[in-house]
Amino acid sequence: LKENIKIEEIIFEVRGKQVILSSDVAKLYKTETRIINQTIKRNIMREFPETFCFQLTPEEVINLRSQIVTSSLKEN
């Protein structure tokens, strides 16, 4: 992520919820995506309830990619 990134630029809508991808969370915390994913798996019951954290389906990934492309086009 750019230093001056606006959080609104990395929030997408999935299942009617606003989400931030784990890869973007990792960039915000200056760590690797795998570290974020490991932390979630280790603490899934305690700190990351299903309403807070979920895995995307293949169809959602495709739809999200189109949101990202559309979002990127708006920035230009």
C-alpha atoms as a PDB file:
ATOM      1  CA  LEU A   1       0.000   0.000   0.000  1.00  0.00           C
ATOM      2  CA  LYS A   2       1.065   3.523  -0.633  1.00  0.00           C
ATOM      3  CA  GLU A   3       2.112   5.556   2.381  1.00  0.00           C
ATOM      4  CA  ASN A   4      -0.816   7.915   1.951  1.00  0.00           C
ATOM      5  CA  ILE A   5      -3.418   5.233   1.192  1.00  0.00           C
ATOM      6  CA  LYS A   6      -6.991   6.031   2.103  1.00  0.00           C
ATOM      7  CA  ILE A   7      -8.621   3.194   4.027  1.00  0.00           C
ATOM      8  CA  GLU A   8     -11.743   3.664   1.881  1.00  0.00           C
ATOM      9  CA  GLU A   9      -9.729   2.509  -1.136  1.00  0.00           C
ATOM     10  CA  ILE A  10      -9.108  -0.958   0.316  1.00  0.00           C
ATOM     11  CA  ILE A  11     -12.622  -1.638   1.620  1.00  0.00           C
ATOM     12  CA  PHE A  12     -14.828  -3.766  -0.623  1.00  0.00           C
ATOM     13  CA  GLU A  13     -18.338  -5.130  -0.269  1.00  0.00           C
ATOM     14  CA  VAL A  14     -18.814  -8.904  -0.026  1.00  0.00           C
ATOM     15  CA  ARG A  15     -21.993 -10.629   1.215  1.00  0.00           C
ATOM     16  CA  GLY A  16     -23.410  -7.237   2.029  1.00  0.00           C
ATOM     17  CA  LYS A  17     -20.540  -6.514   4.412  1.00  0.00           C
ATOM     18  CA  GLN A  18     -17.623  -4.152   4.104  1.00  0.00           C
ATOM     19  CA  VAL A  19     -14.358  -6.121   4.086  1.00  0.00           C
ATOM     20  CA  ILE A  20     -10.622  -5.610   3.887  1.00  0.00           C
ATOM     21  CA  LEU A  21      -8.553  -8.405   2.348  1.00  0.00           C
ATOM     22  CA  SER A  22      -5.995 -10.124   4.550  1.00  0.00           C
ATOM     23  CA  SER A  23      -3.290  -9.069   2.085  1.00  0.00           C
ATOM     24  CA  ASP A  24      -4.221  -5.423   2.641  1.00  0.00           C
ATOM     25  CA  VAL A  25      -4.357  -5.901   6.428  1.00  0.00           C
ATOM     26  CA  ALA A  26      -0.859  -7.375   6.233  1.00  0.00           C
ATOM     27  CA  LYS A  27       0.369  -4.331   4.337  1.00  0.00           C
ATOM     28  CA  LEU A  28      -1.208  -2.008   6.903  1.00  0.00           C
ATOM     29  CA  TYR A  29       0.622  -3.864   9.679  1.00  0.00           C
ATOM     30  CA  LYS A  30       3.794  -4.201   7.594  1.00  0.00           C
ATOM     31  CA  THR A  31       3.868  -7.986   7.787  1.00  0.00           C
ATOM     32  CA  GLU A  32       3.245 -10.921   5.474  1.00  0.00           C
ATOM     33  CA  THR A  33      -0.224 -12.147   4.534  1.00  0.00           C
ATOM     34  CA  ARG A  34       0.632 -15.614   5.823  1.00  0.00           C
ATOM     35  CA  ILE A  35       1.310 -14.150   9.285  1.00  0.00           C
ATOM     36  CA  ILE A  36      -2.136 -12.528   9.321  1.00  0.00           C
ATOM     37  CA  ASN A  37      -3.754 -15.787   8.180  1.00  0.00           C
ATOM     38  CA  GLN A  38      -1.858 -17.828  10.801  1.00  0.00           C
ATOM     39  CA  THR A  39      -2.945 -15.423  13.533  1.00  0.00           C
ATOM     40  CA  ILE A  40      -6.552 -15.723  12.450  1.00  0.00           C
ATOM     41  CA  LYS A  41      -6.392 -19.539  12.415  1.00  0.00           C
ATOM     42  CA  ARG A  42      -4.783 -19.676  15.864  1.00  0.00           C
ATOM     43  CA  ASN A  43      -7.342 -17.326  17.387  1.00  0.00           C
ATOM     44  CA  ILE A  44     -10.428 -18.069  15.310  1.00  0.00           C
ATOM     45  CA  MET A  45     -12.773 -18.908  18.209  1.00  0.00           C
ATOM     46  CA  ARG A  46     -11.555 -16.233  20.579  1.00  0.00           C
ATOM     47  CA  GLU A  47     -10.965 -13.162  18.476  1.00  0.00           C
ATOM     48  CA  PHE A  48     -12.236 -13.715  14.969  1.00  0.00           C
ATOM     49  CA  PRO A  49     -15.876 -14.824  14.944  1.00  0.00           C
ATOM     50  CA  GLU A  50     -17.415 -15.901  11.648  1.00  0.00           C
ATOM     51  CA  THR A  51     -19.249 -12.586  11.349  1.00  0.00           C
ATOM     52  CA  PHE A  52     -15.895 -10.797  11.494  1.00  0.00           C
ATOM     53  CA  CYS A  53     -13.734 -13.040   9.336  1.00  0.00           C
ATOM     54  CA  PHE A  54     -14.612 -15.421   6.507  1.00  0.00           C
ATOM     55  CA  GLN A  55     -13.094 -17.176   3.495  1.00  0.00           C
ATOM     56  CA  LEU A  56     -14.177 -16.020   0.056  1.00  0.00           C
ATOM     57  CA  THR A  57     -15.746 -18.472  -2.377  1.00  0.00           C
ATOM     58  CA  PRO A  58     -14.237 -18.718  -5.879  1.00  0.00           C
ATOM     59  CA  GLU A  59     -17.197 -16.728  -7.263  1.00  0.00           C
ATOM     60  CA  GLU A  60     -16.653 -13.985  -4.666  1.00  0.00           C
ATOM     61  CA  VAL A  61     -12.982 -13.766  -5.642  1.00  0.00           C
ATOM     62  CA  ILE A  62     -13.972 -13.213  -9.277  1.00  0.00           C
ATOM     63  CA  ASN A  63     -16.543 -10.573  -8.311  1.00  0.00           C
ATOM     64  CA  LEU A  64     -14.072  -8.888  -5.985  1.00  0.00           C
ATOM     65  CA  ARG A  65     -11.472  -8.712  -8.741  1.00  0.00           C
ATOM     66  CA  SER A  66     -13.965  -6.819 -10.887  1.00  0.00           C
ATOM     67  CA  GLN A  67     -14.641  -4.431  -7.955  1.00  0.00           C
ATOM     68  CA  ILE A  68     -10.901  -3.851  -7.612  1.00  0.00           C
ATOM     69  CA  VAL A  69     -10.514  -3.124 -11.332  1.00  0.00           C
ATOM     70  CA  THR A  70     -13.482  -0.742 -11.214  1.00  0.00           C
ATOM     71  CA  SER A  71     -12.058   0.909  -8.081  1.00  0.00           C
ATOM     72  CA  SER A  72      -8.646   1.292  -9.703  1.00  0.00           C
ATOM     73  CA  LEU A  73     -10.183   2.890 -12.761  1.00  0.00           C
ATOM     74  CA  LYS A  74     -11.905   5.503 -10.577  1.00  0.00           C
ATOM     75  CA  GLU A  75      -8.530   6.595  -9.166  1.00  0.00           C
ATOM     76  CA  ASN A  76      -7.177   7.560 -12.589  1.00  0.00           C
END
